[in-house]
Amino acid sequence: MSIRSLSLSILLVMVFAAGFSPATAGTLVVVVRHAEKAAPEGDPELTLEGRRRAEALARTVSGLELDAIYSTPYRRTLDTAAPASSQTGLPIREQPIGDRSLEEWVAAEAERIVAENPDGSVLVVGHSNTVPLIVAALCGCDAGSIADDEYDAFFVVHAETVGRGEMIRVRYGE
């Protein structure tokens, strides 16, 4: 485990000890952007650095006793979620946008995540444009934005209900 992963693990323990935990009513949701991708267009695979980051993500969430893993149906998001899926034995629940608007999809996903996992812990892997929107829908707060070259944003949301909760934003890495 690297210093950065260890630091995030310590941060999560401190946050949970402060009362921001799955022990209180609500759903604990870890929301991340996919790891580094090999190409700017299409449906690229992860780079070597991206695969290492996906492994770091799995190690980071290993103590959460996840109940579910959600991802958009793209190679980069599925590959980012794969190590956590392998580690936990949980399938990755692919969530395509389909013919809905992004706003409709985000609202439906936030509802689904909380409804399917009351008082549970989940991992959600998305994109630079979907992650802040999902976080905002879950907690009713401003998650900011994620730059196109930013792959280390890590959000922990404790959603009491959809649109009501708390959020912290930290960085994670190899």
Protein backbone atom coordinates (compact mmCIF):
# COMPACT_ATOMS: atom_id res chain seq x y z
CA MET A 1 0.00 0.00 0.00
CA SER A 2 1.43 3.39 -0.94
CA ILE A 3 1.57 6.44 1.31
CA ARG A 4 -1.28 8.04 -0.68
CA SER A 5 -3.54 4.98 -0.32
CA LEU A 6 -2.66 4.70 3.34
CA SER A 7 -3.44 8.40 3.83
CA LEU A 8 -6.85 7.99 2.20
CA SER A 9 -7.58 4.92 4.32
CA ILE A 10 -6.69 6.90 7.45
CA LEU A 11 -8.88 9.79 6.25
CA LEU A 12 -11.83 7.44 5.72
CA VAL A 13 -11.40 6.00 9.21
CA MET A 14 -11.33 9.52 10.67
CA VAL A 15 -14.42 10.53 8.69
CA PHE A 16 -16.31 7.43 9.82
CA ALA A 17 -15.24 7.98 13.43
CA ALA A 18 -16.63 11.52 13.23
CA GLY A 19 -20.12 10.15 12.55
CA PHE A 20 -20.08 10.22 8.73
CA SER A 21 -20.51 6.49 8.39
CA PRO A 22 -22.62 3.67 7.06
CA ALA A 23 -23.65 3.03 10.66
CA THR A 24 -25.91 6.08 10.51
CA ALA A 25 -29.06 5.91 8.37
CA GLY A 26 -28.38 6.38 4.70
CA THR A 27 -26.28 5.11 1.85
CA LEU A 28 -22.51 5.53 1.71
CA VAL A 29 -21.48 6.11 -1.90
CA VAL A 30 -17.91 6.30 -3.19
CA VAL A 31 -18.00 8.05 -6.56
CA VAL A 32 -14.93 8.19 -8.80
CA ARG A 33 -14.05 9.06 -12.36
CA HIS A 34 -12.56 6.27 -14.45
CA ALA A 35 -8.78 5.95 -14.35
CA GLU A 36 -6.39 7.19 -17.05
CA LYS A 37 -7.49 6.17 -20.53
CA ALA A 38 -5.26 5.28 -23.48
CA ALA A 39 -6.90 7.58 -26.05
CA PRO A 40 -8.96 10.79 -25.96
CA GLU A 41 -11.75 9.48 -28.22
CA GLY A 42 -13.85 6.36 -28.63
CA ASP A 43 -13.99 3.61 -26.02
CA PRO A 44 -10.33 3.23 -25.03
CA GLU A 45 -8.77 0.86 -22.55
CA LEU A 46 -6.85 2.07 -19.52
CA THR A 47 -3.19 2.97 -19.65
CA LEU A 48 -0.69 1.20 -17.39
CA GLU A 49 -1.04 4.12 -14.96
CA GLY A 50 -4.83 3.75 -15.18
CA ARG A 51 -4.67 0.03 -14.37
CA ARG A 52 -2.49 0.83 -11.37
CA ARG A 53 -4.98 3.47 -10.25
CA ALA A 54 -7.85 0.97 -10.59
CA GLU A 55 -5.91 -1.44 -8.35
CA ALA A 56 -5.34 1.41 -5.87
CA LEU A 57 -9.07 2.13 -5.88
CA ALA A 58 -9.82 -1.50 -5.04
CA ARG A 59 -7.36 -1.40 -2.15
CA THR A 60 -8.78 1.90 -0.94
CA VAL A 61 -12.38 0.67 -0.76
CA SER A 62 -11.46 -2.80 0.51
CA GLY A 63 -12.57 -2.03 4.08
CA LEU A 64 -16.00 -0.71 3.18
CA GLU A 65 -17.83 -4.03 2.73
CA LEU A 66 -19.41 -2.87 -0.52
CA ASP A 67 -22.94 -3.96 -1.33
CA ALA A 68 -22.87 -2.96 -5.01
CA ILE A 69 -20.67 -1.60 -7.79
CA TYR A 70 -22.13 0.62 -10.54
CA SER A 71 -20.49 1.74 -13.77
CA THR A 72 -21.36 3.17 -17.12
CA PRO A 73 -20.96 0.54 -19.88
CA TYR A 74 -17.65 1.82 -21.27
CA ARG A 75 -14.36 -0.05 -21.25
CA ARG A 76 -12.56 2.63 -19.20
CA THR A 77 -15.20 2.66 -16.43
CA LEU A 78 -15.66 -1.11 -16.38
CA ASP A 79 -11.87 -1.62 -16.26
CA THR A 80 -11.63 0.87 -13.39
CA ALA A 81 -14.31 -1.00 -11.43
CA ALA A 82 -13.00 -4.49 -12.30
CA PRO A 83 -10.37 -4.87 -9.53
CA ALA A 84 -12.94 -3.91 -6.87
CA SER A 85 -15.40 -6.36 -8.45
CA SER A 86 -12.82 -9.14 -8.42
CA GLN A 87 -11.85 -8.36 -4.84
CA THR A 88 -15.43 -8.37 -3.53
CA GLY A 89 -17.04 -10.90 -5.84
CA LEU A 90 -19.73 -8.32 -6.66
CA PRO A 91 -20.85 -7.97 -10.27
CA ILE A 92 -20.54 -4.59 -11.92
CA ARG A 93 -24.01 -3.17 -12.56
CA GLU A 94 -23.79 -1.41 -15.90
CA GLN A 95 -25.93 1.70 -16.10
CA PRO A 96 -26.31 2.98 -19.69
CA ILE A 97 -27.75 6.44 -20.33
CA GLY A 98 -29.87 5.16 -23.20
CA ASP A 99 -32.26 7.63 -24.78
CA ARG A 100 -32.60 9.78 -21.65
CA SER A 101 -31.03 13.19 -21.19
CA LEU A 102 -28.00 13.33 -18.92
CA GLU A 103 -30.07 15.10 -16.27
CA GLU A 104 -32.79 12.41 -16.40
CA TRP A 105 -30.18 9.65 -16.19
CA VAL A 106 -28.41 11.25 -13.20
CA ALA A 107 -31.68 11.70 -11.29
CA ALA A 108 -32.72 8.10 -12.01
CA GLU A 109 -29.31 6.73 -11.01
CA ALA A 110 -29.24 8.64 -7.72
CA GLU A 111 -32.71 7.28 -6.91
CA ARG A 112 -31.69 3.75 -7.91
CA ILE A 113 -28.45 3.76 -5.90
CA VAL A 114 -30.20 4.85 -2.70
CA ALA A 115 -33.30 2.68 -3.23
CA GLU A 116 -31.31 -0.48 -4.00
CA ASN A 117 -28.84 0.04 -1.15
CA PRO A 118 -30.58 1.50 1.89
CA ASP A 119 -27.99 1.77 4.64
CA GLY A 120 -25.45 0.11 2.34
CA SER A 121 -22.10 1.03 0.81
CA VAL A 122 -21.55 1.27 -2.93
CA LEU A 123 -18.92 2.21 -5.50
CA VAL A 124 -19.91 4.24 -8.56
CA VAL A 125 -17.49 4.73 -11.48
CA GLY A 126 -18.34 7.43 -14.00
CA HIS A 127 -16.86 10.20 -16.11
CA SER A 128 -15.69 13.78 -15.65
CA ASN A 129 -19.14 15.04 -16.64
CA THR A 130 -21.26 12.48 -14.74
CA VAL A 131 -19.42 12.16 -11.41
CA PRO A 132 -20.05 15.74 -10.17
CA LEU A 133 -23.71 15.50 -11.23
CA ILE A 134 -24.23 12.18 -9.44
CA VAL A 135 -22.56 13.50 -6.31
CA ALA A 136 -24.72 16.64 -6.40
CA ALA A 137 -27.89 14.60 -6.90
CA LEU A 138 -27.02 12.31 -3.99
CA CYS A 139 -26.11 14.96 -1.43
CA GLY A 140 -27.82 18.13 -2.66
CA CYS A 141 -24.43 19.85 -2.61
CA ASP A 142 -21.98 21.30 -5.11
CA ALA A 143 -19.28 18.80 -6.08
CA GLY A 144 -17.42 21.25 -8.30
CA SER A 145 -16.06 20.01 -11.60
CA ILE A 146 -13.46 17.51 -12.78
CA ALA A 147 -10.87 18.62 -15.34
CA ASP A 148 -10.33 16.53 -18.46
CA ASP A 149 -6.87 15.52 -17.21
CA GLU A 150 -7.93 14.87 -13.60
CA TYR A 151 -8.20 11.19 -12.72
CA ASP A 152 -7.69 11.20 -8.96
CA ALA A 153 -10.91 12.79 -7.71
CA PHE A 154 -12.55 10.62 -5.07
CA PHE A 155 -15.90 11.56 -3.54
CA VAL A 156 -17.45 9.97 -0.47
CA VAL A 157 -21.14 10.80 -0.08
CA HIS A 158 -23.35 9.86 2.82
CA ALA A 159 -26.85 10.24 1.39
CA GLU A 160 -29.54 10.19 4.06
CA THR A 161 -32.02 10.39 1.19
CA VAL A 162 -31.60 11.46 -2.41
CA GLY A 163 -30.63 15.13 -2.42
CA ARG A 164 -29.81 15.26 1.28
CA GLY A 165 -26.46 14.30 2.68
CA GLU A 166 -22.81 15.11 3.18
CA MET A 167 -19.83 14.87 0.86
CA ILE A 168 -16.07 14.94 1.08
CA ARG A 169 -13.71 15.18 -1.89
CA VAL A 170 -10.20 13.81 -1.69
CA ARG A 171 -7.56 12.55 -4.09
CA TYR A 172 -6.31 9.00 -4.43
CA GLY A 173 -3.56 7.30 -6.41
CA GLU A 174 -1.25 4.38 -6.83
